[in-house]
All heavy atoms as atom14 arrays in JSON, in Angstrom:
{
  "sequence": "LANIDPDIQLDVLNQANSPKLVALDTMNFWIDS",
  "atom14_mask": [
    [1, 1, 1, 1, 1, 1, 1, 1, 0, 0, 0, 0, 0, 0],
    [1, 1, 1, 1, 1, 0, 0, 0, 0, 0, 0, 0, 0, 0],
    [1, 1, 1, 1, 1, 1, 1, 1, 0, 0, 0, 0, 0, 0],
    [1, 1, 1, 1, 1, 1, 1, 1, 0, 0, 0, 0, 0, 0],
    [1, 1, 1, 1, 1, 1, 1, 1, 0, 0, 0, 0, 0, 0],
    [1, 1, 1, 1, 1, 1, 1, 0, 0, 0, 0, 0, 0, 0],
    [1, 1, 1, 1, 1, 1, 1, 1, 0, 0, 0, 0, 0, 0],
    [1, 1, 1, 1, 1, 1, 1, 1, 0, 0, 0, 0, 0, 0],
    [1, 1, 1, 1, 1, 1, 1, 1, 1, 0, 0, 0, 0, 0],
    [1, 1, 1, 1, 1, 1, 1, 1, 0, 0, 0, 0, 0, 0],
    [1, 1, 1, 1, 1, 1, 1, 1, 0, 0, 0, 0, 0, 0],
    [1, 1, 1, 1, 1, 1, 1, 0, 0, 0, 0, 0, 0, 0],
    [1, 1, 1, 1, 1, 1, 1, 1, 0, 0, 0, 0, 0, 0],
    [1, 1, 1, 1, 1, 1, 1, 1, 0, 0, 0, 0, 0, 0],
    [1, 1, 1, 1, 1, 1, 1, 1, 1, 0, 0, 0, 0, 0],
    [1, 1, 1, 1, 1, 0, 0, 0, 0, 0, 0, 0, 0, 0],
    [1, 1, 1, 1, 1, 1, 1, 1, 0, 0, 0, 0, 0, 0],
    [1, 1, 1, 1, 1, 1, 0, 0, 0, 0, 0, 0, 0, 0],
    [1, 1, 1, 1, 1, 1, 1, 0, 0, 0, 0, 0, 0, 0],
    [1, 1, 1, 1, 1, 1, 1, 1, 1, 0, 0, 0, 0, 0],
    [1, 1, 1, 1, 1, 1, 1, 1, 0, 0, 0, 0, 0, 0],
    [1, 1, 1, 1, 1, 1, 1, 0, 0, 0, 0, 0, 0, 0],
    [1, 1, 1, 1, 1, 0, 0, 0, 0, 0, 0, 0, 0, 0],
    [1, 1, 1, 1, 1, 1, 1, 1, 0, 0, 0, 0, 0, 0],
    [1, 1, 1, 1, 1, 1, 1, 1, 0, 0, 0, 0, 0, 0],
    [1, 1, 1, 1, 1, 1, 1, 0, 0, 0, 0, 0, 0, 0],
    [1, 1, 1, 1, 1, 1, 1, 1, 0, 0, 0, 0, 0, 0],
    [1, 1, 1, 1, 1, 1, 1, 1, 0, 0, 0, 0, 0, 0],
    [1, 1, 1, 1, 1, 1, 1, 1, 1, 1, 1, 0, 0, 0],
    [1, 1, 1, 1, 1, 1, 1, 1, 1, 1, 1, 1, 1, 1],
    [1, 1, 1, 1, 1, 1, 1, 1, 0, 0, 0, 0, 0, 0],
    [1, 1, 1, 1, 1, 1, 1, 1, 0, 0, 0, 0, 0, 0],
    [1, 1, 1, 1, 1, 1, 0, 0, 0, 0, 0, 0, 0, 0]
  ],
  "atom14_positions": [
    [[0.87, -1.17, 0.0], [0.0, 0.0, 0.0], [0.9, 1.22, 0.0], [1.49, 1.58, 1.02], [-0.92, -0.02, 1.22], [-1.71, -1.33, 1.41], [-2.63, -1.23, 2.63], [-2.51, -1.66, 0.16], [0.0, 0.0, 0.0], [0.0, 0.0, 0.0], [0.0, 0.0, 0.0], [0.0, 0.0, 0.0], [0.0, 0.0, 0.0], [0.0, 0.0, 0.0]],
    [[1.02, 1.83, -1.16], [1.97, 2.92, -1.34], [1.5, 4.17, -0.59], [0.48, 4.16, 0.1], [2.15, 3.21, -2.83], [0.0, 0.0, 0.0], [0.0, 0.0, 0.0], [0.0, 0.0, 0.0], [0.0, 0.0, 0.0], [0.0, 0.0, 0.0], [0.0, 0.0, 0.0], [0.0, 0.0, 0.0], [0.0, 0.0, 0.0], [0.0, 0.0, 0.0]],
    [[2.25, 5.22, -0.73], [2.01, 6.46, -0.01], [0.73, 7.13, -0.52], [0.76, 8.01, -1.39], [3.22, 7.37, -0.18], [2.98, 8.75, 0.36], [2.11, 8.97, 1.19], [3.74, 9.71, -0.15], [0.0, 0.0, 0.0], [0.0, 0.0, 0.0], [0.0, 0.0, 0.0], [0.0, 0.0, 0.0], [0.0, 0.0, 0.0], [0.0, 0.0, 0.0]],
    [[-0.42, 6.69, 0.01], [-1.72, 7.22, -0.38], [-2.55, 7.45, 0.88], [-2.13, 7.13, 1.99], [-2.47, 6.27, -1.35], [-2.53, 4.85, -0.76], [-1.81, 6.25, -2.71], [-3.29, 3.86, -1.62], [0.0, 0.0, 0.0], [0.0, 0.0, 0.0], [0.0, 0.0, 0.0], [0.0, 0.0, 0.0], [0.0, 0.0, 0.0], [0.0, 0.0, 0.0]],
    [[-3.72, 8.02, 0.7], [-4.63, 8.33, 1.8], [-4.86, 7.09, 2.68], [-5.21, 6.02, 2.18], [-5.96, 8.8, 1.19], [-6.92, 9.37, 2.21], [-6.95, 8.9, 3.35], [-7.67, 10.31, 1.85], [0.0, 0.0, 0.0], [0.0, 0.0, 0.0], [0.0, 0.0, 0.0], [0.0, 0.0, 0.0], [0.0, 0.0, 0.0], [0.0, 0.0, 0.0]],
    [[-4.67, 7.21, 4.01], [-4.91, 6.06, 4.89], [-6.32, 5.49, 4.78], [-6.52, 4.28, 5.01], [-4.67, 6.64, 6.29], [-3.71, 7.76, 6.07], [-4.11, 8.36, 4.74], [0.0, 0.0, 0.0], [0.0, 0.0, 0.0], [0.0, 0.0, 0.0], [0.0, 0.0, 0.0], [0.0, 0.0, 0.0], [0.0, 0.0, 0.0], [0.0, 0.0, 0.0]],
    [[-7.3, 6.31, 4.43], [-8.66, 5.79, 4.21], [-8.67, 4.8, 3.05], [-9.38, 3.78, 3.11], [-9.64, 6.93, 3.95], [-10.06, 7.64, 5.23], [-10.3, 6.97, 6.24], [-10.14, 8.88, 5.2], [0.0, 0.0, 0.0], [0.0, 0.0, 0.0], [0.0, 0.0, 0.0], [0.0, 0.0, 0.0], [0.0, 0.0, 0.0], [0.0, 0.0, 0.0]],
    [[-7.91, 5.09, 2.01], [-7.83, 4.17, 0.87], [-7.07, 2.92, 1.28], [-7.45, 1.8, 0.91], [-7.14, 4.86, -0.33], [-7.96, 6.07, -0.79], [-6.95, 3.88, -1.47], [-7.32, 6.84, -1.94], [0.0, 0.0, 0.0], [0.0, 0.0, 0.0], [0.0, 0.0, 0.0], [0.0, 0.0, 0.0], [0.0, 0.0, 0.0], [0.0, 0.0, 0.0]],
    [[-6.01, 3.08, 2.05], [-5.26, 1.91, 2.52], [-6.15, 0.99, 3.35], [-6.12, -0.24, 3.19], [-4.06, 2.37, 3.34], [-3.01, 3.11, 2.51], [-1.9, 3.7, 3.35], [-2.11, 4.08, 4.51], [-0.7, 3.81, 2.78], [0.0, 0.0, 0.0], [0.0, 0.0, 0.0], [0.0, 0.0, 0.0], [0.0, 0.0, 0.0], [0.0, 0.0, 0.0]],
    [[-6.98, 1.57, 4.22], [-7.88, 0.77, 5.04], [-8.95, 0.09, 4.18], [-9.35, -1.05, 4.45], [-8.53, 1.64, 6.11], [-7.62, 2.07, 7.26], [-8.27, 3.16, 8.09], [-7.27, 0.86, 8.14], [0.0, 0.0, 0.0], [0.0, 0.0, 0.0], [0.0, 0.0, 0.0], [0.0, 0.0, 0.0], [0.0, 0.0, 0.0], [0.0, 0.0, 0.0]],
    [[-9.42, 0.78, 3.15], [-10.4, 0.2, 2.23], [-9.83, -1.04, 1.56], [-10.5, -2.07, 1.44], [-10.81, 1.25, 1.19], [-11.9, 0.74, 0.25], [-12.67, -0.16, 0.66], [-11.98, 1.24, -0.89], [0.0, 0.0, 0.0], [0.0, 0.0, 0.0], [0.0, 0.0, 0.0], [0.0, 0.0, 0.0], [0.0, 0.0, 0.0], [0.0, 0.0, 0.0]],
    [[-8.56, -0.95, 1.14], [-7.92, -2.11, 0.51], [-7.79, -3.25, 1.51], [-8.07, -4.42, 1.2], [-6.53, -1.72, -0.04], [-5.79, -2.96, -0.54], [-6.67, -0.72, -1.17], [0.0, 0.0, 0.0], [0.0, 0.0, 0.0], [0.0, 0.0, 0.0], [0.0, 0.0, 0.0], [0.0, 0.0, 0.0], [0.0, 0.0, 0.0], [0.0, 0.0, 0.0]],
    [[-7.39, -2.94, 2.73], [-7.25, -3.97, 3.76], [-8.58, -4.65, 4.06], [-8.63, -5.86, 4.32], [-6.68, -3.35, 5.04], [-5.2, -2.93, 4.97], [-4.81, -2.1, 6.18], [-4.3, -4.15, 4.85], [0.0, 0.0, 0.0], [0.0, 0.0, 0.0], [0.0, 0.0, 0.0], [0.0, 0.0, 0.0], [0.0, 0.0, 0.0], [0.0, 0.0, 0.0]],
    [[-9.67, -3.9, 4.0], [-10.99, -4.49, 4.22], [-11.41, -5.4, 3.08], [-12.18, -6.34, 3.28], [-12.02, -3.38, 4.43], [-11.83, -2.65, 5.75], [-11.31, -3.2, 6.71], [-12.25, -1.38, 5.8], [0.0, 0.0, 0.0], [0.0, 0.0, 0.0], [0.0, 0.0, 0.0], [0.0, 0.0, 0.0], [0.0, 0.0, 0.0], [0.0, 0.0, 0.0]],
    [[-10.92, -5.09, 1.86], [-11.28, -5.91, 0.7], [-10.39, -7.13, 0.53], [-10.83, -8.16, 0.03], [-11.17, -5.07, -0.58], [-12.17, -3.94, -0.72], [-11.99, -3.25, -2.06], [-12.09, -3.86, -3.13], [-11.7, -1.96, -2.01], [0.0, 0.0, 0.0], [0.0, 0.0, 0.0], [0.0, 0.0, 0.0], [0.0, 0.0, 0.0], [0.0, 0.0, 0.0]],
    [[-9.11, -6.98, 0.91], [-8.12, -8.03, 0.64], [-8.49, -9.31, 1.38], [-8.79, -9.3, 2.57], [-6.74, -7.56, 1.05], [0.0, 0.0, 0.0], [0.0, 0.0, 0.0], [0.0, 0.0, 0.0], [0.0, 0.0, 0.0], [0.0, 0.0, 0.0], [0.0, 0.0, 0.0], [0.0, 0.0, 0.0], [0.0, 0.0, 0.0], [0.0, 0.0, 0.0]],
    [[-8.45, -10.41, 0.66], [-8.79, -11.71, 1.22], [-7.52, -12.5, 1.49], [-6.83, -12.93, 0.57], [-9.71, -12.48, 0.26], [-10.21, -13.78, 0.87], [-10.14, -13.98, 2.07], [-10.69, -14.67, 0.02], [0.0, 0.0, 0.0], [0.0, 0.0, 0.0], [0.0, 0.0, 0.0], [0.0, 0.0, 0.0], [0.0, 0.0, 0.0], [0.0, 0.0, 0.0]],
    [[-7.19, -12.67, 2.76], [-6.04, -13.48, 3.19], [-4.74, -13.08, 2.47], [-4.09, -13.91, 1.81], [-6.31, -14.96, 2.94], [-7.46, -15.38, 3.64], [0.0, 0.0, 0.0], [0.0, 0.0, 0.0], [0.0, 0.0, 0.0], [0.0, 0.0, 0.0], [0.0, 0.0, 0.0], [0.0, 0.0, 0.0], [0.0, 0.0, 0.0], [0.0, 0.0, 0.0]],
    [[-4.35, -11.8, 2.56], [-3.08, -11.42, 1.94], [-1.93, -12.16, 2.59], [-1.94, -12.43, 3.79], [-2.99, -9.91, 2.21], [-3.86, -9.68, 3.42], [-4.97, -10.68, 3.3], [0.0, 0.0, 0.0], [0.0, 0.0, 0.0], [0.0, 0.0, 0.0], [0.0, 0.0, 0.0], [0.0, 0.0, 0.0], [0.0, 0.0, 0.0], [0.0, 0.0, 0.0]],
    [[-0.93, -12.51, 1.79], [0.23, -13.23, 2.31], [1.02, -12.36, 3.27], [1.55, -12.83, 4.28], [1.11, -13.69, 1.14], [2.33, -14.48, 1.55], [2.98, -15.16, 0.35], [3.4, -14.18, -0.72], [4.1, -14.85, -1.84], [0.0, 0.0, 0.0], [0.0, 0.0, 0.0], [0.0, 0.0, 0.0], [0.0, 0.0, 0.0], [0.0, 0.0, 0.0]],
    [[1.1, -11.08, 2.94], [1.84, -10.12, 3.75], [1.42, -8.73, 3.31], [1.11, -8.51, 2.13], [3.35, -10.33, 3.55], [4.34, -9.47, 4.32], [5.6, -10.28, 4.64], [4.74, -8.24, 3.5], [0.0, 0.0, 0.0], [0.0, 0.0, 0.0], [0.0, 0.0, 0.0], [0.0, 0.0, 0.0], [0.0, 0.0, 0.0], [0.0, 0.0, 0.0]],
    [[1.41, -7.78, 4.22], [1.02, -6.41, 3.9], [2.15, -5.46, 4.29], [2.63, -5.49, 5.42], [-0.27, -5.98, 4.62], [-0.59, -4.52, 4.33], [-1.44, -6.86, 4.2], [0.0, 0.0, 0.0], [0.0, 0.0, 0.0], [0.0, 0.0, 0.0], [0.0, 0.0, 0.0], [0.0, 0.0, 0.0], [0.0, 0.0, 0.0], [0.0, 0.0, 0.0]],
    [[2.58, -4.63, 3.34], [3.56, -3.58, 3.6], [2.91, -2.24, 3.29], [2.1, -2.12, 2.36], [4.8, -3.77, 2.75], [0.0, 0.0, 0.0], [0.0, 0.0, 0.0], [0.0, 0.0, 0.0], [0.0, 0.0, 0.0], [0.0, 0.0, 0.0], [0.0, 0.0, 0.0], [0.0, 0.0, 0.0], [0.0, 0.0, 0.0], [0.0, 0.0, 0.0]],
    [[3.27, -1.22, 4.07], [2.6, 0.07, 3.96], [3.63, 1.19, 4.03], [4.56, 1.15, 4.83], [1.58, 0.21, 5.09], [0.72, 1.47, 5.19], [-0.66, 1.13, 5.73], [1.37, 2.51, 6.11], [0.0, 0.0, 0.0], [0.0, 0.0, 0.0], [0.0, 0.0, 0.0], [0.0, 0.0, 0.0], [0.0, 0.0, 0.0], [0.0, 0.0, 0.0]],
    [[3.44, 2.19, 3.19], [4.28, 3.39, 3.18], [3.4, 4.6, 3.49], [2.18, 4.54, 3.34], [4.93, 3.55, 1.8], [6.08, 4.55, 1.79], [6.38, 5.12, 2.86], [6.66, 4.76, 0.72], [0.0, 0.0, 0.0], [0.0, 0.0, 0.0], [0.0, 0.0, 0.0], [0.0, 0.0, 0.0], [0.0, 0.0, 0.0], [0.0, 0.0, 0.0]],
    [[4.02, 5.68, 3.94], [3.24, 6.9, 4.21], [4.15, 8.11, 4.12], [5.33, 8.01, 3.74], [2.57, 6.82, 5.59], [1.57, 7.84, 5.68], [3.58, 6.98, 6.72], [0.0, 0.0, 0.0], [0.0, 0.0, 0.0], [0.0, 0.0, 0.0], [0.0, 0.0, 0.0], [0.0, 0.0, 0.0], [0.0, 0.0, 0.0], [0.0, 0.0, 0.0]],
    [[3.63, 9.28, 4.47], [4.42, 10.52, 4.43], [3.9, 11.49, 5.48], [2.86, 11.27, 6.11], [4.35, 11.16, 3.04], [2.97, 11.63, 2.65], [2.89, 12.36, 1.0], [3.93, 13.8, 1.22], [0.0, 0.0, 0.0], [0.0, 0.0, 0.0], [0.0, 0.0, 0.0], [0.0, 0.0, 0.0], [0.0, 0.0, 0.0], [0.0, 0.0, 0.0]],
    [[4.63, 12.59, 5.67], [4.28, 13.55, 6.72], [2.9, 14.17, 6.53], [2.23, 14.5, 7.51], [5.35, 14.63, 6.83], [5.59, 15.36, 5.51], [5.01, 15.03, 4.48], [6.46, 16.35, 5.55], [0.0, 0.0, 0.0], [0.0, 0.0, 0.0], [0.0, 0.0, 0.0], [0.0, 0.0, 0.0], [0.0, 0.0, 0.0], [0.0, 0.0, 0.0]],
    [[2.43, 14.33, 5.3], [1.11, 14.92, 5.06], [0.02, 14.09, 5.74], [-0.89, 14.64, 6.37], [0.84, 15.02, 3.56], [-0.53, 15.58, 3.23], [-0.76, 16.94, 3.28], [-1.59, 14.74, 2.89], [-2.02, 17.46, 3.0], [-2.85, 15.24, 2.61], [-3.06, 16.61, 2.66], [0.0, 0.0, 0.0], [0.0, 0.0, 0.0], [0.0, 0.0, 0.0]],
    [[0.11, 12.77, 5.62], [-0.92, 11.9, 6.22], [-0.74, 11.83, 7.74], [-1.72, 11.69, 8.47], [-0.87, 10.51, 5.6], [-1.04, 10.52, 4.12], [-0.16, 10.05, 3.18], [-2.15, 11.06, 3.39], [-0.65, 10.25, 1.92], [-1.87, 10.86, 2.01], [-3.34, 11.67, 3.75], [-2.74, 11.27, 1.0], [-4.22, 12.09, 2.74], [-3.91, 11.89, 1.4]],
    [[0.5, 11.94, 8.21], [0.72, 11.96, 9.66], [0.06, 13.21, 10.27], [-0.55, 13.16, 11.33], [2.22, 11.93, 9.98], [2.84, 10.61, 9.49], [2.47, 12.09, 11.49], [4.35, 10.59, 9.56], [0.0, 0.0, 0.0], [0.0, 0.0, 0.0], [0.0, 0.0, 0.0], [0.0, 0.0, 0.0], [0.0, 0.0, 0.0], [0.0, 0.0, 0.0]],
    [[0.18, 14.33, 9.58], [-0.4, 15.58, 10.07], [-1.92, 15.62, 9.94], [-2.62, 16.14, 10.82], [0.19, 16.77, 9.31], [1.64, 17.04, 9.67], [2.02, 16.72, 10.81], [2.38, 17.55, 8.82], [0.0, 0.0, 0.0], [0.0, 0.0, 0.0], [0.0, 0.0, 0.0], [0.0, 0.0, 0.0], [0.0, 0.0, 0.0], [0.0, 0.0, 0.0]],
    [[-2.45, 15.07, 8.85], [-3.87, 15.25, 8.56], [-4.76, 14.07, 8.94], [-5.95, 14.26, 9.22], [-4.06, 15.55, 7.06], [-3.61, 14.45, 6.26], [0.0, 0.0, 0.0], [0.0, 0.0, 0.0], [0.0, 0.0, 0.0], [0.0, 0.0, 0.0], [0.0, 0.0, 0.0], [0.0, 0.0, 0.0], [0.0, 0.0, 0.0], [0.0, 0.0, 0.0]]
  ]
}
């Protein structure tokens, strides 16, 4: 889950069926907002 809106990242996690592994990136904009 690349550096995108955490709401979108959570949406993907809710859809994903038994992922083998999940890696996530972020940035200061999402940390602040």
